[in-house]
Amino acid sequence: MILSDSMEDYLKAIYILQSETAGAVSTSDLATYLSVKPPTATSMIKKLADHGLVEHEPYHGVQLTKTGEPIALEVIRHHRLLERYLADHLEYDWSEVHEEADRLEHHISDQFAERLTELLGEPTTDPHGDPIPGPELSVPDIDQSRRLIEHAVGDRVLVTRVSDQDKETLSYLTKIGIRPGIQATITEIAPFGMITLQLNNHTESVSVPKEVARSIRVRPVDE
């Protein structure tokens, strides 16, 4: 089955949103994620359903079928391997790799992906902490993280994943020293506004807006 780049983009987006919600994806959420209008998303969903790649029930959302899921995972595998290669070997900043990988992900072969895997030492995560599906399209187990916004003052946490959707957010987090692998203690949560963190490798505290904190996933640090 030959699919357009746009069709593959939709399958990838549905998989990612399904992973976050553990259920069907609404048309409005899909449209927002892909920066398109809801009628545009609805039209594409119908095309994907005609190909047997998704199941769509009006007003109840869309889900990948057993045929659509491996296609989505293959695109995600290519995308995240490219992100890791760009960051590790071409010195791209982690805020730049997502857009570049978007341009390339549809145009590399499985053989090229395997060569990248060998060159990179079989990585399990991309620069943002997201899991890279393996060659059999299995997804590595990752720790059960939660959004930073869901934690309380005094919690010690390890940053595990950061959403790669917003370039400005990633640039901001770079400036204040937050990225996967960093440990921090939550020292203050303002009622409406900022979450203050003491990073283990910093002498001064840093603060992030709550909207930014929603894009940061962390897990507790064992005492």
N, C-alpha and C. Protein backbone atom coordinates (compact mmCIF):
# COMPACT_ATOMS: atom_id res chain seq x y z
N MET A 1 0.85 -1.19 0.00
CA MET A 1 0.00 0.00 0.00
C MET A 1 0.89 1.25 0.00
N ILE A 2 0.68 2.10 -0.98
CA ILE A 2 1.45 3.33 -1.07
C ILE A 2 0.62 4.47 -0.47
N LEU A 3 1.19 5.12 0.54
CA LEU A 3 0.50 6.21 1.23
C LEU A 3 1.23 7.51 0.99
N SER A 4 0.50 8.59 1.02
CA SER A 4 1.11 9.91 0.89
C SER A 4 1.80 10.28 2.20
N ASP A 5 2.71 11.25 2.14
CA ASP A 5 3.37 11.74 3.35
C ASP A 5 2.33 12.23 4.35
N SER A 6 1.31 12.90 3.86
CA SER A 6 0.28 13.44 4.74
C SER A 6 -0.47 12.33 5.46
N MET A 7 -0.78 11.26 4.77
CA MET A 7 -1.48 10.14 5.41
C MET A 7 -0.61 9.53 6.51
N GLU A 8 0.68 9.39 6.24
CA GLU A 8 1.59 8.86 7.26
C GLU A 8 1.68 9.80 8.46
N ASP A 9 1.66 11.12 8.19
CA ASP A 9 1.70 12.09 9.28
C ASP A 9 0.49 11.92 10.20
N TYR A 10 -0.67 11.69 9.61
CA TYR A 10 -1.88 11.51 10.42
C TYR A 10 -1.79 10.23 11.24
N LEU A 11 -1.32 9.16 10.66
CA LEU A 11 -1.19 7.90 11.40
C LEU A 11 -0.22 8.07 12.58
N LYS A 12 0.89 8.75 12.33
CA LYS A 12 1.86 9.00 13.39
C LYS A 12 1.23 9.83 14.51
N ALA A 13 0.52 10.87 14.15
CA ALA A 13 -0.11 11.74 15.14
C ALA A 13 -1.15 10.99 15.96
N ILE A 14 -1.95 10.17 15.30
CA ILE A 14 -2.97 9.40 16.02
C ILE A 14 -2.30 8.46 17.03
N TYR A 15 -1.21 7.80 16.61
CA TYR A 15 -0.52 6.90 17.54
C TYR A 15 -0.02 7.67 18.76
N ILE A 16 0.62 8.81 18.54
CA ILE A 16 1.17 9.59 19.65
C ILE A 16 0.06 10.06 20.59
N LEU A 17 -1.03 10.55 20.03
CA LEU A 17 -2.13 11.02 20.87
C LEU A 17 -2.82 9.87 21.57
N GLN A 18 -2.95 8.72 20.92
CA GLN A 18 -3.50 7.53 21.58
C GLN A 18 -2.66 7.12 22.77
N SER A 19 -1.34 7.22 22.62
CA SER A 19 -0.43 6.83 23.71
C SER A 19 -0.63 7.72 24.92
N GLU A 20 -0.97 8.99 24.68
CA GLU A 20 -1.16 9.93 25.79
C GLU A 20 -2.51 9.78 26.46
N THR A 21 -3.53 9.42 25.68
CA THR A 21 -4.89 9.36 26.22
C THR A 21 -5.34 7.95 26.56
N ALA A 22 -4.61 6.94 26.05
CA ALA A 22 -4.98 5.54 26.24
C ALA A 22 -6.39 5.27 25.73
N GLY A 23 -6.77 5.93 24.65
CA GLY A 23 -8.09 5.73 24.08
C GLY A 23 -8.21 6.41 22.75
N ALA A 24 -9.45 6.52 22.27
CA ALA A 24 -9.70 7.14 20.97
C ALA A 24 -9.31 8.61 20.99
N VAL A 25 -8.92 9.11 19.83
CA VAL A 25 -8.45 10.49 19.68
C VAL A 25 -9.56 11.31 19.03
N SER A 26 -9.89 12.45 19.61
CA SER A 26 -10.93 13.29 19.04
C SER A 26 -10.40 14.00 17.79
N THR A 27 -11.32 14.31 16.89
CA THR A 27 -10.95 15.02 15.67
C THR A 27 -10.36 16.38 16.00
N SER A 28 -10.91 17.05 16.99
CA SER A 28 -10.41 18.38 17.35
C SER A 28 -8.99 18.31 17.90
N ASP A 29 -8.70 17.30 18.74
CA ASP A 29 -7.35 17.15 19.27
C ASP A 29 -6.35 16.83 18.15
N LEU A 30 -6.78 16.00 17.21
CA LEU A 30 -5.91 15.65 16.09
C LEU A 30 -5.64 16.88 15.22
N ALA A 31 -6.69 17.66 14.97
CA ALA A 31 -6.53 18.87 14.16
C ALA A 31 -5.59 19.85 14.84
N THR A 32 -5.74 20.01 16.16
CA THR A 32 -4.87 20.92 16.90
C THR A 32 -3.42 20.45 16.83
N TYR A 33 -3.20 19.16 17.03
CA TYR A 33 -1.85 18.61 17.02
C TYR A 33 -1.16 18.83 15.67
N LEU A 34 -1.92 18.70 14.60
CA LEU A 34 -1.35 18.82 13.26
C LEU A 34 -1.48 20.23 12.67
N SER A 35 -2.06 21.14 13.44
CA SER A 35 -2.24 22.54 13.00
C SER A 35 -3.05 22.62 11.71
N VAL A 36 -4.15 21.87 11.67
CA VAL A 36 -5.07 21.93 10.54
C VAL A 36 -6.47 22.21 11.08
N LYS A 37 -7.41 22.52 10.19
CA LYS A 37 -8.78 22.76 10.60
C LYS A 37 -9.51 21.43 10.76
N PRO A 38 -10.47 21.35 11.70
CA PRO A 38 -11.20 20.10 11.93
C PRO A 38 -11.80 19.47 10.67
N PRO A 39 -12.40 20.25 9.74
CA PRO A 39 -12.92 19.60 8.52
C PRO A 39 -11.83 18.92 7.69
N THR A 40 -10.63 19.51 7.70
CA THR A 40 -9.50 18.89 6.99
C THR A 40 -9.13 17.56 7.63
N ALA A 41 -9.09 17.54 8.96
CA ALA A 41 -8.79 16.30 9.68
C ALA A 41 -9.86 15.25 9.44
N THR A 42 -11.12 15.67 9.44
CA THR A 42 -12.23 14.73 9.21
C THR A 42 -12.13 14.10 7.83
N SER A 43 -11.79 14.90 6.83
CA SER A 43 -11.66 14.38 5.47
C SER A 43 -10.55 13.33 5.38
N MET A 44 -9.42 13.60 6.02
CA MET A 44 -8.32 12.63 5.98
C MET A 44 -8.66 11.37 6.76
N ILE A 45 -9.34 11.52 7.89
CA ILE A 45 -9.74 10.35 8.68
C ILE A 45 -10.61 9.41 7.83
N LYS A 46 -11.50 9.98 7.04
CA LYS A 46 -12.36 9.16 6.17
C LYS A 46 -11.52 8.40 5.15
N LYS A 47 -10.49 9.06 4.59
CA LYS A 47 -9.60 8.38 3.64
C LYS A 47 -8.88 7.22 4.31
N LEU A 48 -8.37 7.47 5.51
CA LEU A 48 -7.64 6.42 6.24
C LEU A 48 -8.56 5.26 6.60
N ALA A 49 -9.78 5.58 6.95
CA ALA A 49 -10.76 4.53 7.27
C ALA A 49 -11.08 3.70 6.04
N ASP A 50 -11.18 4.35 4.88
CA ASP A 50 -11.45 3.62 3.63
C ASP A 50 -10.33 2.64 3.31
N HIS A 51 -9.11 2.95 3.75
CA HIS A 51 -7.96 2.06 3.54
C HIS A 51 -7.82 1.02 4.66
N GLY A 52 -8.72 1.06 5.63
CA GLY A 52 -8.66 0.11 6.74
C GLY A 52 -7.56 0.40 7.74
N LEU A 53 -7.08 1.65 7.79
CA LEU A 53 -5.96 2.00 8.66
C LEU A 53 -6.42 2.56 10.00
N VAL A 54 -7.63 3.08 10.06
CA VAL A 54 -8.19 3.60 11.30
C VAL A 54 -9.65 3.17 11.42
N GLU A 55 -10.13 3.20 12.65
CA GLU A 55 -11.56 3.04 12.93
C GLU A 55 -12.06 4.36 13.45
N HIS A 56 -13.16 4.84 12.87
CA HIS A 56 -13.68 6.14 13.26
C HIS A 56 -15.17 6.03 13.53
N GLU A 57 -15.54 6.45 14.73
CA GLU A 57 -16.95 6.52 15.10
C GLU A 57 -17.27 7.99 15.39
N PRO A 58 -18.16 8.59 14.60
CA PRO A 58 -18.48 10.01 14.81
C PRO A 58 -18.81 10.31 16.26
N TYR A 59 -18.21 11.39 16.74
CA TYR A 59 -18.38 11.88 18.11
C TYR A 59 -17.71 11.00 19.17
N HIS A 60 -17.04 9.94 18.74
CA HIS A 60 -16.34 9.07 19.69
C HIS A 60 -14.86 8.94 19.39
N GLY A 61 -14.40 9.57 18.31
CA GLY A 61 -12.97 9.60 18.05
C GLY A 61 -12.49 8.56 17.06
N VAL A 62 -11.17 8.55 16.87
CA VAL A 62 -10.52 7.68 15.90
C VAL A 62 -9.41 6.89 16.57
N GLN A 63 -9.22 5.64 16.13
CA GLN A 63 -8.15 4.79 16.63
C GLN A 63 -7.51 4.06 15.47
N LEU A 64 -6.24 3.71 15.63
CA LEU A 64 -5.54 2.93 14.62
C LEU A 64 -6.03 1.49 14.62
N THR A 65 -6.05 0.88 13.45
CA THR A 65 -6.34 -0.54 13.34
C THR A 65 -5.03 -1.32 13.43
N LYS A 66 -5.14 -2.64 13.40
CA LYS A 66 -3.94 -3.48 13.42
C LYS A 66 -3.11 -3.29 12.15
N THR A 67 -3.75 -2.81 11.10
CA THR A 67 -3.03 -2.51 9.86
C THR A 67 -2.35 -1.15 9.93
N GLY A 68 -3.02 -0.19 10.56
CA GLY A 68 -2.49 1.17 10.63
C GLY A 68 -1.38 1.36 11.64
N GLU A 69 -1.42 0.60 12.73
CA GLU A 69 -0.45 0.83 13.80
C GLU A 69 0.99 0.58 13.37
N PRO A 70 1.32 -0.53 12.70
CA PRO A 70 2.73 -0.72 12.31
C PRO A 70 3.23 0.33 11.33
N ILE A 71 2.35 0.86 10.50
CA ILE A 71 2.77 1.94 9.60
C ILE A 71 3.15 3.17 10.41
N ALA A 72 2.32 3.50 11.40
CA ALA A 72 2.61 4.64 12.28
C ALA A 72 3.92 4.42 13.02
N LEU A 73 4.14 3.21 13.53
CA LEU A 73 5.35 2.93 14.30
C LEU A 73 6.60 3.01 13.44
N GLU A 74 6.49 2.58 12.17
CA GLU A 74 7.65 2.67 11.28
C GLU A 74 8.04 4.12 11.04
N VAL A 75 7.05 4.99 10.82
CA VAL A 75 7.34 6.41 10.62
C VAL A 75 7.96 7.01 11.89
N ILE A 76 7.41 6.65 13.05
CA ILE A 76 7.94 7.15 14.32
C ILE A 76 9.37 6.65 14.53
N ARG A 77 9.62 5.40 14.19
CA ARG A 77 10.99 4.86 14.31
C ARG A 77 11.96 5.67 13.46
N HIS A 78 11.60 5.90 12.21
CA HIS A 78 12.47 6.69 11.32
C HIS A 78 12.68 8.09 11.88
N HIS A 79 11.59 8.71 12.33
CA HIS A 79 11.66 10.08 12.83
C HIS A 79 12.60 10.19 14.03
N ARG A 80 12.44 9.30 14.99
CA ARG A 80 13.22 9.42 16.22
C ARG A 80 14.67 9.00 16.03
N LEU A 81 14.93 8.06 15.13
CA LEU A 81 16.31 7.73 14.81
C LEU A 81 17.00 8.93 14.15
N LEU A 82 16.28 9.58 13.25
CA LEU A 82 16.84 10.77 12.60
C LEU A 82 17.10 11.88 13.61
N GLU A 83 16.18 12.07 14.56
CA GLU A 83 16.41 13.08 15.59
C GLU A 83 17.68 12.77 16.38
N ARG A 84 17.86 11.52 16.75
CA ARG A 84 19.05 11.13 17.52
C ARG A 84 20.32 11.33 16.68
N TYR A 85 20.27 10.99 15.42
CA TYR A 85 21.44 11.17 14.55
C TYR A 85 21.77 12.66 14.39
N LEU A 86 20.76 13.47 14.15
CA LEU A 86 20.99 14.90 13.97
C LEU A 86 21.60 15.53 15.22
N ALA A 87 21.12 15.11 16.39
CA ALA A 87 21.63 15.67 17.64
C ALA A 87 23.02 15.15 17.97
N ASP A 88 23.24 13.86 17.76
CA ASP A 88 24.50 13.25 18.21
C ASP A 88 25.65 13.43 17.22
N HIS A 89 25.34 13.49 15.93
CA HIS A 89 26.41 13.48 14.93
C HIS A 89 26.49 14.75 14.09
N LEU A 90 25.42 15.51 14.02
CA LEU A 90 25.46 16.73 13.23
C LEU A 90 25.31 17.98 14.08
N GLU A 91 25.33 17.80 15.40
CA GLU A 91 25.34 18.90 16.36
C GLU A 91 24.12 19.83 16.24
N TYR A 92 22.99 19.25 15.86
CA TYR A 92 21.74 20.01 15.91
C TYR A 92 21.31 20.17 17.36
N ASP A 93 20.75 21.32 17.70
CA ASP A 93 20.14 21.50 19.01
C ASP A 93 18.86 20.68 19.07
N TRP A 94 18.49 20.23 20.28
CA TRP A 94 17.28 19.40 20.39
C TRP A 94 16.02 20.16 20.00
N SER A 95 16.08 21.49 19.96
CA SER A 95 14.93 22.27 19.53
C SER A 95 14.81 22.31 18.00
N GLU A 96 15.84 21.85 17.29
CA GLU A 96 15.85 21.91 15.83
C GLU A 96 15.57 20.58 15.16
N VAL A 97 15.75 19.47 15.89
CA VAL A 97 15.74 18.16 15.23
C VAL A 97 14.35 17.71 14.79
N HIS A 98 13.29 18.15 15.49
CA HIS A 98 11.94 17.67 15.17
C HIS A 98 11.53 18.07 13.76
N GLU A 99 11.68 19.34 13.43
CA GLU A 99 11.28 19.82 12.11
C GLU A 99 12.11 19.19 11.01
N GLU A 100 13.40 19.03 11.25
CA GLU A 100 14.28 18.43 10.24
C GLU A 100 13.91 16.97 10.02
N ALA A 101 13.65 16.24 11.11
CA ALA A 101 13.26 14.83 10.98
C ALA A 101 11.91 14.69 10.29
N ASP A 102 11.00 15.64 10.51
CA ASP A 102 9.71 15.63 9.81
C ASP A 102 9.90 15.64 8.30
N ARG A 103 10.90 16.39 7.84
CA ARG A 103 11.15 16.50 6.41
C ARG A 103 11.74 15.21 5.82
N LEU A 104 12.47 14.46 6.64
CA LEU A 104 13.22 13.31 6.14
C LEU A 104 12.56 11.96 6.39
N GLU A 105 11.68 11.88 7.37
CA GLU A 105 11.20 10.59 7.87
C GLU A 105 10.52 9.72 6.81
N HIS A 106 9.89 10.34 5.81
CA HIS A 106 9.15 9.59 4.79
C HIS A 106 10.05 9.09 3.67
N HIS A 107 11.32 9.48 3.69
CA HIS A 107 12.16 9.28 2.52
C HIS A 107 13.39 8.42 2.80
N ILE A 108 13.42 7.72 3.92
CA ILE A 108 14.53 6.81 4.18
C ILE A 108 14.01 5.37 4.16
N SER A 109 14.85 4.46 3.76
CA SER A 109 14.47 3.05 3.68
C SER A 109 14.69 2.36 5.02
N ASP A 110 14.14 1.15 5.15
CA ASP A 110 14.38 0.37 6.36
C ASP A 110 15.87 0.03 6.49
N GLN A 111 16.53 -0.20 5.36
CA GLN A 111 17.97 -0.48 5.40
C GLN A 111 18.74 0.70 5.95
N PHE A 112 18.37 1.90 5.52
CA PHE A 112 19.03 3.11 6.03
C PHE A 112 18.77 3.24 7.53
N ALA A 113 17.56 2.94 7.96
CA ALA A 113 17.23 3.02 9.39
C ALA A 113 18.08 2.04 10.19
N GLU A 114 18.30 0.85 9.64
CA GLU A 114 19.13 -0.13 10.35
C GLU A 114 20.58 0.33 10.43
N ARG A 115 21.08 0.97 9.37
CA ARG A 115 22.44 1.51 9.41
C ARG A 115 22.55 2.60 10.48
N LEU A 116 21.51 3.45 10.56
CA LEU A 116 21.50 4.48 11.61
C LEU A 116 21.52 3.84 12.99
N THR A 117 20.73 2.78 13.16
CA THR A 117 20.67 2.11 14.46
C THR A 117 22.04 1.59 14.87
N GLU A 118 22.75 0.97 13.93
CA GLU A 118 24.09 0.46 14.23
C GLU A 118 25.05 1.59 14.54
N LEU A 119 25.01 2.65 13.74
CA LEU A 119 25.91 3.78 13.95
C LEU A 119 25.68 4.42 15.31
N LEU A 120 24.43 4.50 15.73
CA LEU A 120 24.08 5.18 16.97
C LEU A 120 24.19 4.29 18.20
N GLY A 121 24.51 3.00 17.99
CA GLY A 121 24.64 2.11 19.14
C GLY A 121 23.32 1.63 19.69
N GLU A 122 22.34 1.43 18.80
CA GLU A 122 21.02 0.92 19.16
C GLU A 122 20.37 1.75 20.27
N PRO A 123 20.13 3.01 20.01
CA PRO A 123 19.52 3.87 21.04
C PRO A 123 18.07 3.48 21.31
N THR A 124 17.63 3.72 22.53
CA THR A 124 16.24 3.40 22.90
C THR A 124 15.37 4.65 23.02
N THR A 125 15.99 5.84 23.06
CA THR A 125 15.22 7.07 23.17
C THR A 125 15.79 8.13 22.23
N ASP A 126 14.93 9.08 21.85
CA ASP A 126 15.39 10.21 21.06
C ASP A 126 15.88 11.32 21.98
N PRO A 127 16.34 12.47 21.46
CA PRO A 127 16.88 13.52 22.34
C PRO A 127 15.87 14.10 23.34
N HIS A 128 14.58 13.88 23.09
CA HIS A 128 13.55 14.40 24.01
C HIS A 128 13.10 13.37 25.02
N GLY A 129 13.69 12.16 24.96
CA GLY A 129 13.34 11.11 25.91
C GLY A 129 12.24 10.19 25.43
N ASP A 130 11.73 10.38 24.21
CA ASP A 130 10.68 9.51 23.69
C ASP A 130 11.28 8.19 23.21
N PRO A 131 10.56 7.07 23.41
CA PRO A 131 11.10 5.76 23.03
C PRO A 131 11.18 5.58 21.52
N ILE A 132 12.23 4.93 21.06
CA ILE A 132 12.40 4.61 19.65
C ILE A 132 11.95 3.17 19.42
N PRO A 133 10.91 2.95 18.60
CA PRO A 133 10.50 1.57 18.30
C PRO A 133 11.65 0.78 17.71
N GLY A 134 11.72 -0.50 18.04
CA GLY A 134 12.79 -1.35 17.53
C GLY A 134 12.52 -1.78 16.10
N PRO A 135 13.45 -2.55 15.50
CA PRO A 135 13.30 -2.98 14.11
C PRO A 135 12.06 -3.84 13.89
N GLU A 136 11.60 -4.53 14.93
CA GLU A 136 10.36 -5.31 14.81
C GLU A 136 9.14 -4.47 15.19
N LEU A 137 9.38 -3.16 15.35
CA LEU A 137 8.35 -2.17 15.68
C LEU A 137 7.74 -2.37 17.07
N SER A 138 8.53 -3.01 17.94
CA SER A 138 8.14 -3.07 19.35
C SER A 138 8.64 -1.79 20.03
N VAL A 139 7.88 -1.33 21.02
CA VAL A 139 8.23 -0.08 21.69
C VAL A 139 8.89 -0.41 23.02
N PRO A 140 10.10 0.11 23.28
CA PRO A 140 10.79 -0.18 24.55
C PRO A 140 9.95 0.26 25.74
N ASP A 141 10.05 -0.51 26.82
CA ASP A 141 9.40 -0.10 28.06
C ASP A 141 10.08 1.15 28.58
N ILE A 142 9.28 2.11 29.00
CA ILE A 142 9.83 3.31 29.63
C ILE A 142 9.18 3.46 30.99
N ASP A 143 9.86 4.19 31.88
CA ASP A 143 9.33 4.32 33.23
C ASP A 143 7.99 5.04 33.21
N GLN A 144 7.19 4.74 34.22
CA GLN A 144 5.86 5.33 34.32
C GLN A 144 5.98 6.75 34.84
N SER A 145 6.18 7.66 33.92
CA SER A 145 6.36 9.06 34.31
C SER A 145 5.02 9.78 34.33
N ARG A 146 5.01 10.93 35.01
CA ARG A 146 3.84 11.81 35.03
C ARG A 146 4.29 13.21 34.67
N ARG A 147 3.32 14.04 34.33
CA ARG A 147 3.65 15.43 34.04
C ARG A 147 4.15 16.13 35.29
N LEU A 148 5.10 17.04 35.11
CA LEU A 148 5.64 17.79 36.24
C LEU A 148 4.53 18.51 37.00
N ILE A 149 3.53 18.97 36.28
CA ILE A 149 2.43 19.72 36.89
C ILE A 149 1.66 18.89 37.92
N GLU A 150 1.79 17.56 37.85
CA GLU A 150 1.04 16.67 38.74
C GLU A 150 1.76 16.39 40.05
N HIS A 151 2.96 16.93 40.23
CA HIS A 151 3.73 16.68 41.45
C HIS A 151 3.54 17.82 42.45
N ALA A 152 4.07 17.61 43.66
CA ALA A 152 3.86 18.56 44.76
C ALA A 152 5.19 19.13 45.24
N VAL A 153 5.09 20.21 46.01
CA VAL A 153 6.28 20.83 46.61
C VAL A 153 7.02 19.79 47.46
N GLY A 154 8.33 19.76 47.32
CA GLY A 154 9.15 18.82 48.07
C GLY A 154 9.49 17.55 47.31
N ASP A 155 8.76 17.28 46.23
CA ASP A 155 9.04 16.07 45.44
C ASP A 155 10.39 16.21 44.74
N ARG A 156 11.18 15.13 44.80
CA ARG A 156 12.43 15.04 44.04
C ARG A 156 12.16 14.20 42.80
N VAL A 157 12.49 14.73 41.63
CA VAL A 157 12.10 14.07 40.40
C VAL A 157 13.25 14.03 39.40
N LEU A 158 13.14 13.10 38.46
CA LEU A 158 14.08 12.98 37.34
C LEU A 158 13.31 13.29 36.06
N VAL A 159 13.81 14.23 35.28
CA VAL A 159 13.18 14.55 34.00
C VAL A 159 13.44 13.40 33.03
N THR A 160 12.37 12.82 32.47
CA THR A 160 12.51 11.68 31.57
C THR A 160 12.15 12.01 30.13
N ARG A 161 11.16 12.89 29.93
CA ARG A 161 10.71 13.19 28.57
C ARG A 161 10.23 14.64 28.50
N VAL A 162 10.41 15.24 27.34
CA VAL A 162 9.91 16.59 27.10
C VAL A 162 9.25 16.60 25.73
N SER A 163 8.06 17.15 25.63
CA SER A 163 7.37 17.21 24.34
C SER A 163 8.21 17.97 23.32
N ASP A 164 8.27 17.43 22.10
CA ASP A 164 9.09 18.06 21.06
C ASP A 164 8.28 18.95 20.12
N GLN A 165 7.03 19.23 20.48
CA GLN A 165 6.16 19.95 19.56
C GLN A 165 6.45 21.43 19.44
N ASP A 166 6.99 22.05 20.48
CA ASP A 166 7.15 23.50 20.47
C ASP A 166 8.62 23.87 20.55
N LYS A 167 9.14 24.45 19.48
CA LYS A 167 10.55 24.80 19.40
C LYS A 167 10.94 25.84 20.42
N GLU A 168 10.06 26.84 20.64
CA GLU A 168 10.36 27.91 21.60
C GLU A 168 10.47 27.37 23.02
N THR A 169 9.58 26.41 23.36
CA THR A 169 9.63 25.81 24.69
C THR A 169 10.95 25.08 24.90
N LEU A 170 11.39 24.32 23.89
CA LEU A 170 12.65 23.59 24.01
C LEU A 170 13.83 24.54 24.15
N SER A 171 13.81 25.64 23.41
CA SER A 171 14.90 26.63 23.52
C SER A 171 14.91 27.24 24.91
N TYR A 172 13.73 27.53 25.45
CA TYR A 172 13.63 28.09 26.80
C TYR A 172 14.17 27.11 27.84
N LEU A 173 13.80 25.83 27.71
CA LEU A 173 14.26 24.84 28.67
C LEU A 173 15.77 24.65 28.59
N THR A 174 16.33 24.78 27.39
CA THR A 174 17.79 24.71 27.25
C THR A 174 18.45 25.82 28.04
N LYS A 175 17.91 27.03 27.95
CA LYS A 175 18.50 28.18 28.64
C LYS A 175 18.51 27.99 30.15
N ILE A 176 17.45 27.36 30.69
CA ILE A 176 17.38 27.22 32.15
C ILE A 176 17.92 25.87 32.64
N GLY A 177 18.36 25.01 31.69
CA GLY A 177 19.06 23.79 32.09
C GLY A 177 18.20 22.57 32.31
N ILE A 178 16.98 22.54 31.76
CA ILE A 178 16.10 21.39 31.94
C ILE A 178 16.08 20.56 30.67
N ARG A 179 16.40 19.26 30.83
CA ARG A 179 16.33 18.31 29.73
C ARG A 179 16.33 16.91 30.32
N PRO A 180 16.02 15.86 29.55
CA PRO A 180 16.02 14.50 30.11
C PRO A 180 17.33 14.16 30.81
N GLY A 181 17.22 13.51 31.97
CA GLY A 181 18.38 13.13 32.77
C GLY A 181 18.68 14.07 33.91
N ILE A 182 18.05 15.24 33.94
CA ILE A 182 18.27 16.21 35.00
C ILE A 182 17.39 15.89 36.21
N GLN A 183 17.97 15.94 37.41
CA GLN A 183 17.21 15.78 38.64
C GLN A 183 16.89 17.14 39.24
N ALA A 184 15.75 17.22 39.91
CA ALA A 184 15.34 18.49 40.49
C ALA A 184 14.42 18.25 41.69
N THR A 185 14.33 19.28 42.53
CA THR A 185 13.39 19.28 43.65
C THR A 185 12.42 20.44 43.45
N ILE A 186 11.12 20.16 43.61
CA ILE A 186 10.11 21.20 43.48
C ILE A 186 10.08 22.00 44.78
N THR A 187 10.38 23.29 44.70
CA THR A 187 10.46 24.11 45.91
C THR A 187 9.27 25.03 46.10
N GLU A 188 8.54 25.33 45.01
CA GLU A 188 7.39 26.22 45.14
C GLU A 188 6.46 26.04 43.95
N ILE A 189 5.15 26.09 44.23
CA ILE A 189 4.14 26.07 43.18
C ILE A 189 3.20 27.24 43.42
N ALA A 190 3.26 28.24 42.55
CA ALA A 190 2.40 29.42 42.71
C ALA A 190 0.97 29.04 42.33
N PRO A 191 -0.04 29.62 43.00
CA PRO A 191 -1.44 29.29 42.70
C PRO A 191 -1.79 29.48 41.23
N PHE A 192 -1.31 30.56 40.64
CA PHE A 192 -1.56 30.80 39.21
C PHE A 192 -0.26 31.31 38.60
N GLY A 193 0.51 30.41 38.01
CA GLY A 193 1.74 30.92 37.41
C GLY A 193 2.86 29.94 37.31
N MET A 194 3.84 30.06 38.20
CA MET A 194 5.12 29.40 38.00
C MET A 194 5.34 28.23 38.96
N ILE A 195 6.13 27.27 38.49
CA ILE A 195 6.63 26.18 39.33
C ILE A 195 8.14 26.39 39.46
N THR A 196 8.62 26.45 40.69
CA THR A 196 10.04 26.71 40.94
C THR A 196 10.74 25.41 41.29
N LEU A 197 11.91 25.21 40.67
CA LEU A 197 12.68 23.98 40.84
C LEU A 197 14.10 24.31 41.26
N GLN A 198 14.65 23.46 42.10
CA GLN A 198 16.08 23.50 42.40
C GLN A 198 16.72 22.34 41.65
N LEU A 199 17.45 22.66 40.59
CA LEU A 199 18.11 21.62 39.82
C LEU A 199 19.36 21.15 40.55
N ASN A 200 19.62 19.85 40.52
CA ASN A 200 20.74 19.31 41.26
C ASN A 200 22.09 19.83 40.79
N ASN A 201 22.16 20.23 39.51
CA ASN A 201 23.44 20.72 38.98
C ASN A 201 23.51 22.24 38.92
N HIS A 202 22.56 22.94 39.57
CA HIS A 202 22.55 24.40 39.60
C HIS A 202 22.57 24.90 41.04
N THR A 203 23.17 26.04 41.24
CA THR A 203 23.15 26.65 42.57
C THR A 203 21.92 27.52 42.76
N GLU A 204 21.36 28.03 41.66
CA GLU A 204 20.20 28.89 41.74
C GLU A 204 18.95 28.15 41.27
N SER A 205 17.79 28.56 41.80
CA SER A 205 16.52 27.95 41.40
C SER A 205 16.12 28.46 40.01
N VAL A 206 15.28 27.68 39.33
CA VAL A 206 14.71 28.09 38.06
C VAL A 206 13.19 27.94 38.15
N SER A 207 12.49 28.72 37.36
CA SER A 207 11.03 28.67 37.37
C SER A 207 10.51 28.43 35.97
N VAL A 208 9.44 27.64 35.88
CA VAL A 208 8.80 27.39 34.59
C VAL A 208 7.31 27.68 34.70
N PRO A 209 6.71 28.26 33.67
CA PRO A 209 5.25 28.45 33.67
C PRO A 209 4.55 27.11 33.71
N LYS A 210 3.36 27.09 34.29
CA LYS A 210 2.64 25.83 34.40
C LYS A 210 2.34 25.21 33.04
N GLU A 211 2.11 26.03 32.02
CA GLU A 211 1.85 25.47 30.69
C GLU A 211 3.07 24.74 30.16
N VAL A 212 4.26 25.26 30.47
CA VAL A 212 5.49 24.57 30.06
C VAL A 212 5.66 23.29 30.88
N ALA A 213 5.31 23.36 32.16
CA ALA A 213 5.43 22.19 33.03
C ALA A 213 4.58 21.02 32.54
N ARG A 214 3.50 21.32 31.83
CA ARG A 214 2.65 20.25 31.29
C ARG A 214 3.38 19.44 30.23
N SER A 215 4.38 20.03 29.60
CA SER A 215 5.11 19.33 28.53
C SER A 215 6.30 18.54 29.05
N ILE A 216 6.55 18.62 30.36
CA ILE A 216 7.71 17.94 30.97
C ILE A 216 7.21 16.73 31.75
N ARG A 217 7.75 15.56 31.44
CA ARG A 217 7.38 14.35 32.17
C ARG A 217 8.54 13.95 33.07
N VAL A 218 8.20 13.52 34.28
CA VAL A 218 9.22 13.19 35.28
C VAL A 218 8.79 11.92 36.03
N ARG A 219 9.74 11.33 36.71
CA ARG A 219 9.45 10.25 37.64
C ARG A 219 10.12 10.53 38.97
N PRO A 220 9.59 9.99 40.07
CA PRO A 220 10.21 10.24 41.37
C PRO A 220 11.63 9.70 41.43
N VAL A 221 12.47 10.39 42.17
CA VAL A 221 13.84 9.93 42.40
C VAL A 221 13.83 9.13 43.70
N ASP A 222 14.35 7.91 43.63
CA ASP A 222 14.40 7.06 44.83
C ASP A 222 15.31 7.69 45.87
N GLU A 223 14.85 7.71 47.08
CA GLU A 223 15.67 8.26 48.17
C GLU A 223 16.82 7.31 48.49
